[in-house]
């Protein structure tokens, strides 16, 4: 947040300093550049949480008398109400075809300005948004900080975003030279810095479980993962009337509670959670990754009352260089992991990322109109699609 505000101050200084002006005029220019046409908002909502369609029950029996009248226990999960509240300030120009969705801002808006390389107007734009939400009883923090300055021959942008309910965290900064070609089309080229949290292609538990000695024997048999988390196995036998005696391992937790009747039962029911727990603990020890790469883009914008077309795109070229994070686990090594770990002498694999969008509308007559809107983003292994198409008929 501190670095984000510093970026705003630097851009403001860039635009108003170096000019011999009276102090009053200076502050007027600062206000005009930073706050004019901006909106400060505080908003929130509350709603019913998710509820199961039918309640769930189980019975608790008397341990001294299995056939006594049992106690019926309501096992249904009841979540407290969902809520969201946030605070922010925004100064984002809408393109002519964008219609303000309401008479007020509440922080859920998603303007095209946040994706398109070139803004609807020249100058400074920004969004500072912080919110807290509760969903199905879990609380999350969501943040988005965005700043961009667009000039005739340059684009500079800084962005940071956190989406707590999906575990998403992303930061980027880019600087591009911009070349207008006519009044509607422009191309741009520069460099971008991006971060990502995930270690793609790396599966710690698979590597650990598949480690072998020189004779090909498993060094860490699958059941030893249970020992790592305090579970113990106890060899025992049991039999039922008319059936052969069964010999197996009964598993207990650190408190002495039986959690599985047999190795297969432990493998099928307990092991999946232990594997995820193991992976998450290893991932938590890894630092985030940061990389730089060249980026090029284009933007075309045509608007008339009865027809508009806005299309844009950015291509992050396959010349990525990591400057942050353990190099063994970055995206360049995503396909270089085998059951024995990182493959020796493996080659780093570059990649391309993309972002593109199109906004099209055509009013065929005063009563009929069609529209198409779509955006596609591919960053690392993540792909995001967002599209809509429609026909509007106004009856008079």
Protein backbone atom coordinates (compact mmCIF):
# COMPACT_ATOMS: atom_id res chain seq x y z
CA UNK A 1 0.00 0.00 0.00
CA UNK A 2 2.83 2.41 0.91
CA UNK A 3 4.62 1.79 -2.40
CA UNK A 4 1.34 2.24 -4.26
CA UNK A 5 0.75 5.69 -2.74
CA UNK A 6 4.36 6.59 -3.52
CA UNK A 7 3.72 5.72 -7.17
CA UNK A 8 0.74 8.10 -7.21
CA UNK A 9 2.84 10.90 -5.74
CA UNK A 10 5.59 10.34 -8.31
CA UNK A 11 3.13 10.53 -11.20
CA UNK A 12 1.54 13.66 -9.78
CA UNK A 13 4.95 15.26 -9.35
CA UNK A 14 5.85 14.29 -12.90
CA UNK A 15 2.82 16.15 -14.21
CA UNK A 16 2.86 19.33 -12.10
CA UNK A 17 6.47 19.95 -11.07
CA UNK A 18 9.02 21.78 -13.13
CA UNK A 19 6.55 24.60 -13.76
CA UNK A 20 6.90 28.06 -12.22
CA UNK A 21 3.53 28.61 -10.63
CA UNK A 22 2.14 30.32 -7.59
CA UNK A 23 1.48 28.12 -4.61
CA UNK A 24 -2.30 28.41 -4.90
CA UNK A 25 -2.22 27.52 -8.58
CA UNK A 26 0.08 24.62 -7.79
CA UNK A 27 -2.36 23.06 -5.31
CA UNK A 28 -5.25 23.66 -7.68
CA UNK A 29 -3.39 21.67 -10.31
CA UNK A 30 -2.68 18.90 -7.79
CA UNK A 31 -6.37 18.75 -6.87
CA UNK A 32 -7.41 18.76 -10.51
CA UNK A 33 -4.98 15.97 -11.39
CA UNK A 34 -5.63 13.80 -8.36
CA UNK A 35 -9.17 14.32 -7.09
CA UNK A 36 -11.33 16.03 -9.72
CA UNK A 37 -14.01 13.62 -10.96
CA UNK A 38 -12.99 11.02 -8.36
CA UNK A 39 -15.46 9.32 -5.99
CA UNK A 40 -14.97 8.28 -2.38
CA UNK A 41 -17.30 5.49 -1.33
CA UNK A 42 -18.18 3.36 1.67
CA UNK A 43 -20.54 0.51 0.93
CA UNK A 44 -21.60 -2.93 2.06
CA UNK A 45 -24.30 -5.55 1.97
CA UNK A 46 -25.63 -8.45 4.00
CA UNK A 47 -27.50 -11.54 2.82
CA UNK A 48 -28.60 -14.98 3.88
CA UNK A 49 -25.85 -17.56 3.89
CA UNK A 50 -25.98 -20.89 2.11
CA UNK A 51 -28.22 -23.47 3.74
CA UNK A 52 -28.51 -27.17 2.99
CA UNK A 53 -31.87 -28.14 1.54
CA UNK A 54 -32.40 -30.83 4.17
CA UNK A 55 -31.02 -31.13 7.70
CA UNK A 56 -28.51 -33.84 8.56
CA UNK A 57 -28.65 -36.01 11.68
CA UNK A 58 -26.75 -38.80 13.37
CA UNK A 59 -27.47 -40.90 16.46
CA UNK A 60 -25.43 -41.17 19.63
CA UNK A 61 -25.94 -44.47 21.41
CA UNK A 62 -25.38 -45.43 25.03
CA UNK A 63 -21.93 -47.12 25.17
CA UNK A 64 -23.22 -49.42 27.95
CA UNK A 65 -26.41 -50.38 26.14
CA UNK A 66 -26.28 -50.41 22.36
CA UNK A 67 -30.03 -51.00 22.09
CA UNK A 68 -31.21 -48.27 24.43
CA UNK A 69 -33.18 -45.32 23.01
CA UNK A 70 -30.50 -43.24 21.16
CA UNK A 71 -29.98 -39.49 21.19
CA UNK A 72 -30.62 -37.85 17.81
CA UNK A 73 -28.04 -35.14 17.10
CA UNK A 74 -28.56 -32.37 14.54
CA UNK A 75 -25.40 -32.47 12.41
CA UNK A 76 -26.47 -29.71 10.01
CA UNK A 77 -23.97 -26.88 9.51
CA UNK A 78 -25.60 -23.50 10.06
CA UNK A 79 -23.58 -20.56 8.75
CA UNK A 80 -23.98 -17.00 10.04
CA UNK A 81 -25.22 -14.44 7.54
CA UNK A 82 -22.91 -13.41 4.71
CA UNK A 83 -21.71 -9.83 4.51
CA UNK A 84 -19.38 -7.54 2.63
CA UNK A 85 -18.27 -4.03 3.45
CA UNK A 86 -15.61 -1.91 1.83
CA UNK A 87 -14.14 1.52 1.44
CA UNK A 88 -12.39 3.08 -1.51
CA UNK A 89 -11.70 5.96 -3.80
CA UNK A 90 -11.76 5.74 -7.57
CA UNK A 91 -11.04 7.87 -10.58
CA UNK A 92 -11.67 5.77 -13.67
CA UNK A 93 -12.95 7.11 -16.96
CA UNK A 94 -15.71 5.10 -18.63
CA UNK A 95 -15.70 4.49 -22.36
CA UNK A 96 -18.68 5.95 -24.19
CA UNK A 97 -20.42 2.59 -24.56
CA UNK A 98 -20.19 1.82 -20.82
CA UNK A 99 -23.29 2.66 -18.84
CA UNK A 100 -23.06 3.33 -15.13
CA UNK A 101 -24.86 0.40 -13.52
CA UNK A 102 -26.30 2.29 -10.56
CA UNK A 103 -26.60 5.73 -9.04
CA UNK A 104 -23.82 4.95 -6.58
CA UNK A 105 -20.55 2.99 -6.37
CA UNK A 106 -20.30 -0.04 -4.09
CA UNK A 107 -16.89 -1.48 -4.99
CA UNK A 108 -18.12 -4.37 -7.15
CA UNK A 109 -17.81 -2.50 -10.46
CA UNK A 110 -15.37 -3.81 -13.06
CA UNK A 111 -14.66 -1.17 -15.68
CA UNK A 112 -13.03 -1.99 -19.00
CA UNK A 113 -10.45 0.63 -18.00
CA UNK A 114 -8.91 -1.93 -15.63
CA UNK A 115 -8.05 -4.26 -18.53
CA UNK A 116 -7.55 -2.19 -21.68
CA UNK A 117 -3.96 -0.99 -22.29
CA UNK A 118 -5.07 2.54 -23.20
CA UNK A 119 -7.44 4.60 -21.07
CA UNK A 120 -10.59 6.35 -22.24
CA UNK A 121 -8.92 9.70 -21.45
CA UNK A 122 -5.35 10.88 -21.08
CA UNK A 123 -4.01 11.55 -17.62
CA UNK A 124 -4.13 9.88 -14.23
CA UNK A 125 -6.56 7.14 -13.24
CA UNK A 126 -6.61 5.07 -10.07
CA UNK A 127 -8.61 2.77 -7.82
CA UNK A 128 -7.93 2.14 -4.13
CA UNK A 129 -10.31 -0.46 -2.69
CA UNK A 130 -10.31 -2.45 0.54
CA UNK A 131 -13.08 -4.75 1.71
CA UNK A 132 -13.85 -7.52 4.15
CA UNK A 133 -16.37 -10.24 3.49
CA UNK A 134 -17.78 -13.32 5.15
CA UNK A 135 -18.95 -16.27 3.08
CA UNK A 136 -20.22 -19.55 4.57
CA UNK A 137 -18.79 -18.60 7.94
CA UNK A 138 -15.28 -17.82 6.66
CA UNK A 139 -13.91 -14.29 6.61
CA UNK A 140 -11.70 -12.91 3.84
CA UNK A 141 -9.90 -9.71 2.92
CA UNK A 142 -10.11 -8.38 -0.64
CA UNK A 143 -7.96 -5.52 -1.93
CA UNK A 144 -7.36 -3.85 -5.25
CA UNK A 145 -4.95 -0.98 -5.92
CA UNK A 146 -4.67 0.32 -9.46
CA UNK A 147 -2.95 3.37 -10.92
CA UNK A 148 -2.29 4.29 -14.53
CA UNK A 149 -1.11 7.34 -16.37
CA UNK A 150 -1.76 7.53 -20.09
CA UNK A 151 -0.13 10.11 -22.31
CA UNK A 152 0.10 10.54 -26.03
CA UNK A 153 3.34 8.55 -26.18
CA UNK A 154 3.45 6.56 -22.93
CA UNK A 155 1.52 4.23 -20.62
CA UNK A 156 2.58 3.58 -17.01
CA UNK A 157 0.61 1.26 -14.74
CA UNK A 158 0.93 -0.31 -11.29
CA UNK A 159 -1.55 -2.84 -9.90
CA UNK A 160 -1.92 -5.02 -6.82
CA UNK A 161 -4.86 -7.34 -6.20
CA UNK A 162 -5.83 -9.78 -3.45
CA UNK A 163 -8.96 -11.95 -3.63
CA UNK A 164 -9.13 -13.78 -0.31
CA UNK A 165 -12.02 -16.15 -1.03
CA UNK A 166 -10.10 -17.81 -3.88
CA UNK A 167 -6.57 -17.38 -2.48
CA UNK A 168 -5.54 -15.09 -5.34
CA UNK A 169 -2.75 -12.53 -4.96
CA UNK A 170 -1.13 -10.64 -7.82
CA UNK A 171 1.05 -7.57 -8.34
CA UNK A 172 2.34 -5.98 -11.52
CA UNK A 173 4.00 -2.88 -12.84
CA UNK A 174 4.56 -1.91 -16.44
CA UNK A 175 5.88 0.91 -18.56
CA UNK A 176 5.22 1.17 -22.30
CA UNK A 177 6.00 3.52 -25.13
CA UNK A 178 2.81 4.28 -27.07
CA UNK A 179 2.48 5.12 -30.75
CA UNK A 180 -0.88 6.53 -31.91
CA UNK A 181 -1.77 5.66 -35.49
CA UNK A 182 -4.57 7.98 -36.42
CA UNK A 183 -7.18 8.91 -33.83
CA UNK A 184 -8.57 5.41 -33.18
CA UNK A 185 -5.67 2.97 -33.18
CA UNK A 186 -2.48 2.72 -31.16
CA UNK A 187 0.26 0.21 -30.47
CA UNK A 188 2.50 -0.02 -27.44
CA UNK A 189 5.62 -1.84 -26.29
CA UNK A 190 7.59 -1.98 -23.07
CA UNK A 191 8.33 -4.18 -20.07
CA UNK A 192 6.17 -5.68 -17.32
CA UNK A 193 6.95 -7.00 -13.84
CA UNK A 194 4.56 -9.61 -12.40
CA UNK A 195 4.32 -11.80 -9.32
CA UNK A 196 2.71 -15.18 -8.71
CA UNK A 197 2.32 -17.31 -5.59
CA UNK A 198 1.96 -20.83 -6.94
CA UNK A 199 4.82 -23.24 -7.76
CA UNK A 200 3.50 -24.74 -10.98
CA UNK A 201 4.34 -28.36 -11.77
CA UNK A 202 5.80 -29.02 -8.30
CA UNK A 203 4.06 -31.70 -6.18
CA UNK A 204 6.03 -32.10 -2.91
CA UNK A 205 4.16 -35.14 -1.56
CA UNK A 206 4.57 -37.05 -4.84
CA UNK A 207 8.32 -36.46 -4.79
CA UNK A 208 8.59 -37.46 -1.13
CA UNK A 209 6.52 -40.64 -1.49
CA UNK A 210 8.33 -41.74 -4.65
CA UNK A 211 11.85 -41.31 -3.34
CA UNK A 212 13.77 -44.60 -3.66
CA UNK A 213 17.10 -46.06 -2.62
CA UNK A 214 19.73 -47.48 -4.97
CA UNK A 215 17.80 -50.77 -5.17
CA UNK A 216 14.53 -49.12 -6.16
CA UNK A 217 12.89 -49.58 -2.75
CA UNK A 218 10.67 -46.84 -1.36
CA UNK A 219 12.45 -44.73 1.24
CA UNK A 220 9.14 -43.29 2.45
CA UNK A 221 6.32 -45.87 2.21
CA UNK A 222 2.96 -44.16 1.89
CA UNK A 223 1.82 -45.07 5.41
CA UNK A 224 4.82 -43.32 6.98
CA UNK A 225 3.15 -40.02 6.18
CA UNK A 226 0.74 -40.88 8.99
CA UNK A 227 3.65 -41.23 11.40
CA UNK A 228 4.83 -37.74 10.41
CA UNK A 229 1.56 -36.32 11.78
CA UNK A 230 1.36 -38.30 15.01
CA UNK A 231 -0.76 -41.26 13.91
CA UNK A 232 0.16 -44.75 15.08
CA UNK A 233 -0.78 -48.19 13.80
CA UNK A 234 -1.46 -51.20 16.00
CA UNK A 235 -1.58 -54.74 14.71
CA UNK A 236 -4.71 -56.56 15.88
CA UNK A 237 -7.20 -59.24 14.95
CA UNK A 238 -10.96 -59.45 15.08
CA UNK A 239 -13.60 -61.90 13.93
CA UNK A 240 -17.33 -62.15 13.45
CA UNK A 241 -19.59 -65.15 13.85
CA UNK A 242 -19.09 -67.61 11.01
CA UNK A 243 -16.35 -65.54 9.33
CA UNK A 244 -12.57 -66.03 9.31
CA UNK A 245 -10.42 -64.00 11.68
CA UNK A 246 -9.17 -60.77 10.19
CA UNK A 247 -5.67 -59.44 10.90
CA UNK A 248 -4.98 -55.79 10.17
CA UNK A 249 -3.56 -52.53 11.48
CA UNK A 250 -5.85 -50.24 13.46
CA UNK A 251 -4.84 -46.58 13.24
CA UNK A 252 -5.12 -44.10 16.11
CA UNK A 253 -4.51 -40.37 16.39
CA UNK A 254 -2.27 -38.73 18.99
CA UNK A 255 -5.16 -38.72 21.51
CA UNK A 256 -5.67 -42.47 21.22
CA UNK A 257 -8.87 -42.26 19.15
CA UNK A 258 -9.37 -44.90 16.47
CA UNK A 259 -9.46 -43.20 13.06
CA UNK A 260 -9.28 -46.20 10.70
CA UNK A 261 -9.89 -49.94 10.88
CA UNK A 262 -7.17 -51.19 8.58
CA UNK A 263 -4.49 -49.82 6.25
CA UNK A 264 -6.89 -49.58 3.32
CA UNK A 265 -9.36 -47.62 5.40
CA UNK A 266 -6.58 -45.25 6.51
CA UNK A 267 -5.31 -44.83 2.96
CA UNK A 268 -8.74 -44.11 1.50
CA UNK A 269 -10.14 -41.78 4.17
CA UNK A 270 -7.30 -40.17 6.11
CA UNK A 271 -4.40 -40.01 3.66
CA UNK A 272 -5.99 -37.50 1.19
CA UNK A 273 -6.19 -34.84 3.89
CA UNK A 274 -2.65 -35.60 5.07
CA UNK A 275 -1.29 -35.28 1.52
CA UNK A 276 -2.93 -31.87 1.07
CA UNK A 277 -1.70 -30.80 4.49
CA UNK A 278 1.85 -31.83 3.64
CA UNK A 279 1.79 -29.97 0.32
CA UNK A 280 0.36 -26.80 1.87
CA UNK A 281 3.03 -26.79 4.56
CA UNK A 282 5.78 -27.08 1.95
CA UNK A 283 4.22 -24.41 -0.28
CA UNK A 284 4.02 -22.04 2.71
CA UNK A 285 7.81 -22.17 3.04
CA UNK A 286 8.32 -20.90 -0.52
CA UNK A 287 8.56 -17.18 -1.23
CA UNK A 288 6.42 -15.52 -3.93
CA UNK A 289 7.91 -15.26 -7.41
CA UNK A 290 8.58 -12.15 -9.44
CA UNK A 291 9.54 -11.99 -13.11
CA UNK A 292 10.04 -9.41 -15.85
CA UNK A 293 9.32 -9.75 -19.54
CA UNK A 294 8.73 -7.59 -22.63
CA UNK A 295 5.13 -6.75 -23.46
CA UNK A 296 3.43 -5.40 -26.59
CA UNK A 297 -0.16 -4.40 -27.15
CA UNK A 298 -2.71 -2.64 -29.31
CA UNK A 299 -5.93 -0.72 -28.82
CA UNK A 300 -8.63 0.21 -31.34
CA UNK A 301 -11.63 2.33 -30.34
CA UNK A 302 -14.44 3.58 -32.56
CA UNK A 303 -17.68 4.98 -31.17
CA UNK A 304 -20.86 6.29 -32.71
CA UNK A 305 -24.31 6.37 -31.13
CA UNK A 306 -25.51 3.49 -33.29
CA UNK A 307 -22.26 1.54 -33.67
CA UNK A 308 -19.16 1.03 -31.57
CA UNK A 309 -16.17 -1.28 -31.58
CA UNK A 310 -13.48 -1.46 -28.95
CA UNK A 311 -10.86 -4.17 -29.20
CA UNK A 312 -7.57 -4.46 -27.36
CA UNK A 313 -4.88 -6.97 -26.58
CA UNK A 314 -1.56 -7.49 -24.82
CA UNK A 315 1.07 -10.15 -25.40
CA UNK A 316 3.71 -10.94 -22.78
CA UNK A 317 6.53 -12.28 -24.92
CA UNK A 318 8.39 -15.54 -24.13
CA UNK A 319 11.52 -13.90 -22.73
CA UNK A 320 10.84 -14.12 -19.00
CA UNK A 321 13.51 -13.50 -16.40
CA UNK A 322 12.89 -14.24 -12.71
CA UNK A 323 14.26 -11.77 -10.19
CA UNK A 324 12.47 -13.10 -7.11
CA UNK A 325 11.80 -16.59 -5.69
CA UNK A 326 13.66 -19.91 -5.68
CA UNK A 327 14.67 -20.59 -9.28
CA UNK A 328 14.11 -24.36 -8.90
CA UNK A 329 10.38 -23.84 -8.34
CA UNK A 330 9.55 -21.03 -10.77
CA UNK A 331 7.37 -21.40 -13.86
CA UNK A 332 10.32 -22.01 -16.16
CA UNK A 333 10.73 -25.41 -14.45
CA UNK A 334 7.02 -26.33 -14.45
CA UNK A 335 7.55 -29.42 -16.64
CA UNK A 336 10.94 -30.40 -15.23
CA UNK A 337 9.78 -32.22 -12.10
CA UNK A 338 9.83 -36.02 -11.91
CA UNK A 339 9.22 -38.50 -9.13
CA UNK A 340 12.84 -38.12 -8.05
CA UNK A 341 12.70 -34.32 -7.92
CA UNK A 342 14.01 -31.76 -10.39
CA UNK A 343 15.30 -33.53 -13.51
CA UNK A 344 19.03 -33.04 -13.82
CA UNK A 345 20.23 -30.80 -16.69
CA UNK A 346 16.65 -30.02 -17.69
CA UNK A 347 16.06 -27.04 -19.96
CA UNK A 348 14.08 -24.00 -18.89
CA UNK A 349 10.85 -23.63 -20.85
CA UNK A 350 9.68 -20.15 -21.84
CA UNK A 351 6.02 -19.29 -22.46
CA UNK A 352 3.65 -16.61 -23.76
CA UNK A 353 0.79 -14.96 -21.88
CA UNK A 354 -2.12 -13.05 -23.38
CA UNK A 355 -4.96 -10.72 -22.59
CA UNK A 356 -7.52 -9.65 -25.19
CA UNK A 357 -10.97 -8.17 -25.27
CA UNK A 358 -13.67 -6.97 -27.64
CA UNK A 359 -16.70 -4.75 -27.04
CA UNK A 360 -19.09 -4.48 -29.99
CA UNK A 361 -22.50 -2.89 -30.27
CA UNK A 362 -24.76 -2.14 -33.21
CA UNK A 363 -28.15 -0.48 -33.11
CA UNK A 364 -29.76 -1.84 -36.24
CA UNK A 365 -32.73 0.46 -35.79
CA UNK A 366 -34.35 2.54 -33.07
CA UNK A 367 -35.86 -0.64 -31.66
CA UNK A 368 -33.30 -3.39 -32.32
CA UNK A 369 -29.72 -3.67 -31.15
CA UNK A 370 -27.12 -6.38 -30.79
CA UNK A 371 -24.04 -6.50 -28.62
CA UNK A 372 -21.03 -8.75 -28.06
CA UNK A 373 -18.62 -8.42 -25.16
CA UNK A 374 -15.77 -10.74 -24.31
CA UNK A 375 -12.41 -10.95 -22.63
CA UNK A 376 -9.81 -13.70 -22.41
CA UNK A 377 -6.79 -13.81 -20.12
CA UNK A 378 -4.11 -16.47 -19.96
CA UNK A 379 -1.50 -15.99 -17.23
CA UNK A 380 0.75 -18.96 -16.42
CA UNK A 381 -1.59 -22.00 -16.06
CA UNK A 382 -4.67 -19.86 -15.35
CA UNK A 383 -7.23 -19.08 -18.04
CA UNK A 384 -10.11 -16.67 -17.49
CA UNK A 385 -13.03 -16.33 -19.89
CA UNK A 386 -15.72 -13.68 -19.64
CA UNK A 387 -18.19 -13.10 -22.44
CA UNK A 388 -21.75 -12.09 -23.18
CA UNK A 389 -23.85 -11.71 -26.29
CA UNK A 390 -27.36 -10.43 -26.68
CA UNK A 391 -30.19 -8.97 -28.72
CA UNK A 392 -32.22 -6.03 -27.44
CA UNK A 393 -35.69 -5.31 -28.81
CA UNK A 394 -37.46 -2.22 -27.50
CA UNK A 395 -41.23 -2.29 -27.89
CA UNK A 396 -42.93 1.05 -28.41
